[in-house]
Amino acid sequence: MPTKQDGELAFIPKPGGSPLNVAVGLSRLGVPTGFLGKISKDPFGQLLYAHLVQNQIDTKFVIEDPRPSALAFVFVKPGGESQFYFYGLETADMFLTLRFIP
């Protein structure tokens, strides 16, 4: 969600995405959890990777990829309704194929 910084519109990165959120939730419930997927080498991907490690999720099946991270932006309209904008064309996560699955 946007915020203001020095009077300018700014965004605070928050790690997420459905598969990552499920893995984090299970890990926080004490379930041994791992993550299999492609994560970008860009700063957003590194944020996701650090979030996995921070939440004690096994990362041995995480594959780094040079493509950019998928991004989602959330805006809250007056009245509280959220609008979501997704940017995921040609992103690292979209290039996980069977050859990467152990």
N, C-alpha and C. Protein backbone atom coordinates (compact mmCIF):
# COMPACT_ATOMS: atom_id res chain seq x y z
N MET A 1 0.84 -1.18 0.00
CA MET A 1 0.00 0.00 0.00
C MET A 1 0.89 1.24 0.00
N PRO A 2 0.47 2.23 -0.71
CA PRO A 2 1.30 3.44 -0.74
C PRO A 2 1.26 4.18 0.58
N THR A 3 2.32 4.90 0.81
CA THR A 3 2.45 5.75 1.97
C THR A 3 3.07 7.05 1.48
N LYS A 4 3.30 7.97 2.36
CA LYS A 4 3.97 9.22 1.99
C LYS A 4 5.34 9.26 2.66
N GLN A 5 6.32 9.68 1.89
CA GLN A 5 7.65 9.89 2.42
C GLN A 5 8.17 11.19 1.84
N ASP A 6 8.48 12.12 2.70
CA ASP A 6 8.91 13.45 2.28
C ASP A 6 7.89 14.08 1.32
N GLY A 7 6.61 13.83 1.60
CA GLY A 7 5.54 14.39 0.79
C GLY A 7 5.29 13.69 -0.53
N GLU A 8 6.03 12.64 -0.80
CA GLU A 8 5.90 11.90 -2.06
C GLU A 8 5.25 10.54 -1.81
N LEU A 9 4.55 10.04 -2.82
CA LEU A 9 3.97 8.71 -2.77
C LEU A 9 5.11 7.69 -2.76
N ALA A 10 5.06 6.74 -1.84
CA ALA A 10 6.10 5.72 -1.72
C ALA A 10 5.45 4.38 -1.39
N PHE A 11 6.14 3.31 -1.70
CA PHE A 11 5.66 1.97 -1.41
C PHE A 11 6.64 1.26 -0.49
N ILE A 12 6.11 0.50 0.44
CA ILE A 12 6.93 -0.30 1.34
C ILE A 12 6.85 -1.74 0.85
N PRO A 13 7.97 -2.36 0.48
CA PRO A 13 7.91 -3.74 -0.01
C PRO A 13 7.51 -4.70 1.10
N LYS A 14 6.60 -5.59 0.78
CA LYS A 14 6.14 -6.63 1.71
C LYS A 14 6.24 -7.96 0.99
N PRO A 15 7.01 -8.91 1.52
CA PRO A 15 7.12 -10.20 0.84
C PRO A 15 5.78 -10.94 0.89
N GLY A 16 5.47 -11.61 -0.21
CA GLY A 16 4.22 -12.35 -0.25
C GLY A 16 4.06 -13.11 -1.54
N GLY A 17 2.83 -13.44 -1.82
CA GLY A 17 2.47 -14.32 -2.92
C GLY A 17 1.87 -15.57 -2.32
N SER A 18 0.87 -16.11 -2.94
CA SER A 18 0.13 -17.24 -2.35
C SER A 18 1.02 -18.39 -1.89
N PRO A 19 1.90 -18.95 -2.74
CA PRO A 19 2.71 -20.08 -2.28
C PRO A 19 3.60 -19.71 -1.09
N LEU A 20 4.22 -18.53 -1.15
CA LEU A 20 5.08 -18.10 -0.06
C LEU A 20 4.26 -17.90 1.22
N ASN A 21 3.10 -17.30 1.11
CA ASN A 21 2.25 -17.06 2.28
C ASN A 21 1.82 -18.36 2.94
N VAL A 22 1.50 -19.37 2.13
CA VAL A 22 1.10 -20.68 2.68
C VAL A 22 2.29 -21.31 3.41
N ALA A 23 3.47 -21.27 2.79
CA ALA A 23 4.66 -21.84 3.42
C ALA A 23 4.96 -21.15 4.75
N VAL A 24 4.87 -19.84 4.78
CA VAL A 24 5.12 -19.09 6.02
C VAL A 24 4.09 -19.45 7.08
N GLY A 25 2.83 -19.51 6.70
CA GLY A 25 1.77 -19.87 7.65
C GLY A 25 1.98 -21.24 8.25
N LEU A 26 2.31 -22.22 7.42
CA LEU A 26 2.55 -23.58 7.92
C LEU A 26 3.75 -23.61 8.85
N SER A 27 4.82 -22.93 8.45
CA SER A 27 6.02 -22.91 9.28
C SER A 27 5.74 -22.29 10.64
N ARG A 28 4.96 -21.21 10.65
CA ARG A 28 4.63 -20.55 11.92
C ARG A 28 3.76 -21.42 12.81
N LEU A 29 3.07 -22.39 12.20
CA LEU A 29 2.27 -23.34 12.98
C LEU A 29 3.09 -24.53 13.45
N GLY A 30 4.38 -24.53 13.12
CA GLY A 30 5.27 -25.59 13.56
C GLY A 30 5.40 -26.75 12.59
N VAL A 31 4.86 -26.63 11.38
CA VAL A 31 4.94 -27.68 10.38
C VAL A 31 6.27 -27.53 9.63
N PRO A 32 7.08 -28.59 9.56
CA PRO A 32 8.31 -28.50 8.75
C PRO A 32 7.93 -28.17 7.30
N THR A 33 8.50 -27.11 6.77
CA THR A 33 8.06 -26.57 5.48
C THR A 33 9.24 -26.25 4.59
N GLY A 34 9.05 -26.50 3.31
CA GLY A 34 10.04 -26.13 2.30
C GLY A 34 9.36 -25.35 1.19
N PHE A 35 10.17 -24.75 0.35
CA PHE A 35 9.65 -23.97 -0.77
C PHE A 35 10.36 -24.39 -2.03
N LEU A 36 9.59 -24.71 -3.07
CA LEU A 36 10.15 -25.01 -4.38
C LEU A 36 9.63 -23.95 -5.33
N GLY A 37 10.53 -23.21 -5.92
CA GLY A 37 10.12 -22.19 -6.88
C GLY A 37 11.31 -21.38 -7.34
N LYS A 38 11.06 -20.58 -8.36
CA LYS A 38 12.09 -19.67 -8.87
C LYS A 38 11.89 -18.30 -8.23
N ILE A 39 12.99 -17.73 -7.77
CA ILE A 39 12.99 -16.41 -7.16
C ILE A 39 14.05 -15.58 -7.88
N SER A 40 13.70 -14.37 -8.20
CA SER A 40 14.61 -13.48 -8.90
C SER A 40 15.84 -13.17 -8.05
N LYS A 41 16.92 -12.82 -8.75
CA LYS A 41 18.14 -12.35 -8.08
C LYS A 41 18.07 -10.86 -7.76
N ASP A 42 16.97 -10.21 -8.17
CA ASP A 42 16.84 -8.77 -7.94
C ASP A 42 16.56 -8.49 -6.46
N PRO A 43 16.54 -7.22 -6.04
CA PRO A 43 16.32 -6.92 -4.61
C PRO A 43 14.99 -7.45 -4.06
N PHE A 44 13.96 -7.51 -4.89
CA PHE A 44 12.68 -8.04 -4.42
C PHE A 44 12.79 -9.55 -4.18
N GLY A 45 13.48 -10.23 -5.06
CA GLY A 45 13.70 -11.67 -4.88
C GLY A 45 14.51 -11.95 -3.63
N GLN A 46 15.50 -11.12 -3.38
CA GLN A 46 16.32 -11.30 -2.18
C GLN A 46 15.49 -11.06 -0.92
N LEU A 47 14.53 -10.14 -0.99
CA LEU A 47 13.60 -9.92 0.11
C LEU A 47 12.76 -11.17 0.37
N LEU A 48 12.28 -11.80 -0.73
CA LEU A 48 11.50 -13.04 -0.59
C LEU A 48 12.35 -14.14 0.03
N TYR A 49 13.58 -14.28 -0.46
CA TYR A 49 14.46 -15.32 0.06
C TYR A 49 14.73 -15.11 1.55
N ALA A 50 15.03 -13.91 1.94
CA ALA A 50 15.29 -13.60 3.35
C ALA A 50 14.06 -13.90 4.20
N HIS A 51 12.89 -13.65 3.66
CA HIS A 51 11.63 -13.93 4.38
C HIS A 51 11.47 -15.43 4.60
N LEU A 52 11.83 -16.22 3.59
CA LEU A 52 11.78 -17.68 3.75
C LEU A 52 12.72 -18.13 4.86
N VAL A 53 13.95 -17.65 4.81
CA VAL A 53 14.96 -18.03 5.82
C VAL A 53 14.51 -17.58 7.20
N GLN A 54 14.03 -16.35 7.29
CA GLN A 54 13.58 -15.79 8.57
C GLN A 54 12.46 -16.62 9.19
N ASN A 55 11.66 -17.25 8.35
CA ASN A 55 10.54 -18.06 8.82
C ASN A 55 10.85 -19.55 8.86
N GLN A 56 12.14 -19.87 8.83
CA GLN A 56 12.63 -21.24 8.98
C GLN A 56 12.04 -22.20 7.94
N ILE A 57 11.99 -21.74 6.70
CA ILE A 57 11.50 -22.55 5.59
C ILE A 57 12.71 -23.07 4.83
N ASP A 58 12.72 -24.36 4.56
CA ASP A 58 13.82 -25.00 3.84
C ASP A 58 13.89 -24.41 2.43
N THR A 59 15.06 -23.93 2.05
CA THR A 59 15.22 -23.27 0.75
C THR A 59 16.07 -24.09 -0.24
N LYS A 60 16.30 -25.37 0.05
CA LYS A 60 17.18 -26.14 -0.84
C LYS A 60 16.61 -26.30 -2.24
N PHE A 61 15.31 -26.10 -2.43
CA PHE A 61 14.72 -26.20 -3.76
C PHE A 61 14.34 -24.84 -4.35
N VAL A 62 14.89 -23.78 -3.78
CA VAL A 62 14.71 -22.44 -4.35
C VAL A 62 15.74 -22.27 -5.46
N ILE A 63 15.29 -21.81 -6.60
CA ILE A 63 16.16 -21.61 -7.75
C ILE A 63 16.21 -20.11 -8.05
N GLU A 64 17.41 -19.55 -8.05
CA GLU A 64 17.55 -18.13 -8.40
C GLU A 64 17.50 -17.98 -9.91
N ASP A 65 16.89 -16.88 -10.35
CA ASP A 65 16.71 -16.63 -11.77
C ASP A 65 17.02 -15.16 -12.04
N PRO A 66 17.66 -14.85 -13.18
CA PRO A 66 18.00 -13.46 -13.46
C PRO A 66 16.81 -12.58 -13.87
N ARG A 67 15.68 -13.19 -14.19
CA ARG A 67 14.51 -12.40 -14.59
C ARG A 67 13.98 -11.62 -13.39
N PRO A 68 13.19 -10.58 -13.64
CA PRO A 68 12.68 -9.76 -12.52
C PRO A 68 11.63 -10.49 -11.68
N SER A 69 11.39 -9.97 -10.52
CA SER A 69 10.34 -10.47 -9.62
C SER A 69 8.97 -10.00 -10.10
N ALA A 70 7.98 -10.83 -9.88
CA ALA A 70 6.59 -10.39 -10.06
C ALA A 70 6.29 -9.40 -8.94
N LEU A 71 5.51 -8.38 -9.25
CA LEU A 71 5.17 -7.37 -8.26
C LEU A 71 3.67 -7.15 -8.21
N ALA A 72 3.18 -6.83 -7.04
CA ALA A 72 1.78 -6.46 -6.85
C ALA A 72 1.74 -5.16 -6.07
N PHE A 73 0.88 -4.25 -6.50
CA PHE A 73 0.71 -2.98 -5.80
C PHE A 73 -0.73 -2.88 -5.34
N VAL A 74 -0.93 -2.36 -4.14
CA VAL A 74 -2.26 -2.23 -3.56
C VAL A 74 -2.52 -0.75 -3.30
N PHE A 75 -3.67 -0.30 -3.78
CA PHE A 75 -4.15 1.06 -3.49
C PHE A 75 -5.48 0.92 -2.77
N VAL A 76 -5.70 1.74 -1.78
CA VAL A 76 -6.98 1.73 -1.07
C VAL A 76 -7.77 2.96 -1.51
N LYS A 77 -8.94 2.68 -2.04
CA LYS A 77 -9.81 3.75 -2.51
C LYS A 77 -10.50 4.40 -1.32
N PRO A 78 -10.98 5.60 -1.48
CA PRO A 78 -11.77 6.21 -0.41
C PRO A 78 -12.94 5.26 -0.07
N GLY A 79 -13.17 5.03 1.19
CA GLY A 79 -14.18 4.07 1.61
C GLY A 79 -13.59 2.73 1.99
N GLY A 80 -12.28 2.54 1.72
CA GLY A 80 -11.59 1.35 2.20
C GLY A 80 -11.47 0.20 1.22
N GLU A 81 -12.03 0.30 0.01
CA GLU A 81 -11.92 -0.80 -0.95
C GLU A 81 -10.52 -0.85 -1.54
N SER A 82 -9.94 -2.04 -1.59
CA SER A 82 -8.58 -2.21 -2.12
C SER A 82 -8.62 -2.47 -3.62
N GLN A 83 -7.68 -1.88 -4.32
CA GLN A 83 -7.46 -2.15 -5.73
C GLN A 83 -6.08 -2.77 -5.86
N PHE A 84 -5.99 -3.87 -6.60
CA PHE A 84 -4.73 -4.59 -6.77
C PHE A 84 -4.27 -4.48 -8.22
N TYR A 85 -2.97 -4.28 -8.39
CA TYR A 85 -2.36 -4.21 -9.71
C TYR A 85 -1.18 -5.18 -9.72
N PHE A 86 -1.21 -6.13 -10.65
CA PHE A 86 -0.19 -7.18 -10.71
C PHE A 86 0.67 -7.01 -11.95
N TYR A 87 1.98 -7.20 -11.75
CA TYR A 87 2.94 -7.13 -12.84
C TYR A 87 3.75 -8.41 -12.81
N GLY A 88 3.46 -9.31 -13.74
CA GLY A 88 4.08 -10.62 -13.69
C GLY A 88 4.47 -11.21 -15.03
N LEU A 89 4.55 -10.39 -16.06
CA LEU A 89 4.92 -10.88 -17.39
C LEU A 89 6.42 -11.09 -17.46
N GLU A 90 6.82 -12.29 -17.89
CA GLU A 90 8.24 -12.62 -18.06
C GLU A 90 9.03 -12.52 -16.75
N THR A 91 8.41 -12.90 -15.64
CA THR A 91 9.07 -12.84 -14.33
C THR A 91 9.63 -14.20 -13.94
N ALA A 92 10.57 -14.20 -13.02
CA ALA A 92 11.29 -15.42 -12.63
C ALA A 92 10.35 -16.57 -12.29
N ASP A 93 9.33 -16.30 -11.51
CA ASP A 93 8.44 -17.37 -11.04
C ASP A 93 7.71 -18.08 -12.18
N MET A 94 7.56 -17.41 -13.32
CA MET A 94 6.83 -17.99 -14.45
C MET A 94 7.66 -19.00 -15.23
N PHE A 95 8.94 -19.13 -14.91
CA PHE A 95 9.82 -19.99 -15.68
C PHE A 95 10.25 -21.24 -14.92
N LEU A 96 9.46 -21.65 -13.95
CA LEU A 96 9.69 -22.93 -13.29
C LEU A 96 9.08 -24.00 -14.18
N THR A 97 9.91 -24.90 -14.68
CA THR A 97 9.45 -25.97 -15.54
C THR A 97 9.77 -27.32 -14.90
N LEU A 98 9.25 -28.39 -15.49
CA LEU A 98 9.46 -29.73 -14.93
C LEU A 98 10.94 -30.08 -14.76
N ARG A 99 11.79 -29.54 -15.63
CA ARG A 99 13.21 -29.90 -15.52
C ARG A 99 13.85 -29.38 -14.22
N PHE A 100 13.22 -28.44 -13.55
CA PHE A 100 13.75 -27.91 -12.29
C PHE A 100 13.22 -28.66 -11.06
N ILE A 101 12.25 -29.52 -11.26
CA ILE A 101 11.62 -30.20 -10.13
C ILE A 101 12.36 -31.49 -9.84
N PRO A 102 12.89 -31.65 -8.63
CA PRO A 102 13.67 -32.86 -8.30
C PRO A 102 12.79 -34.11 -8.23
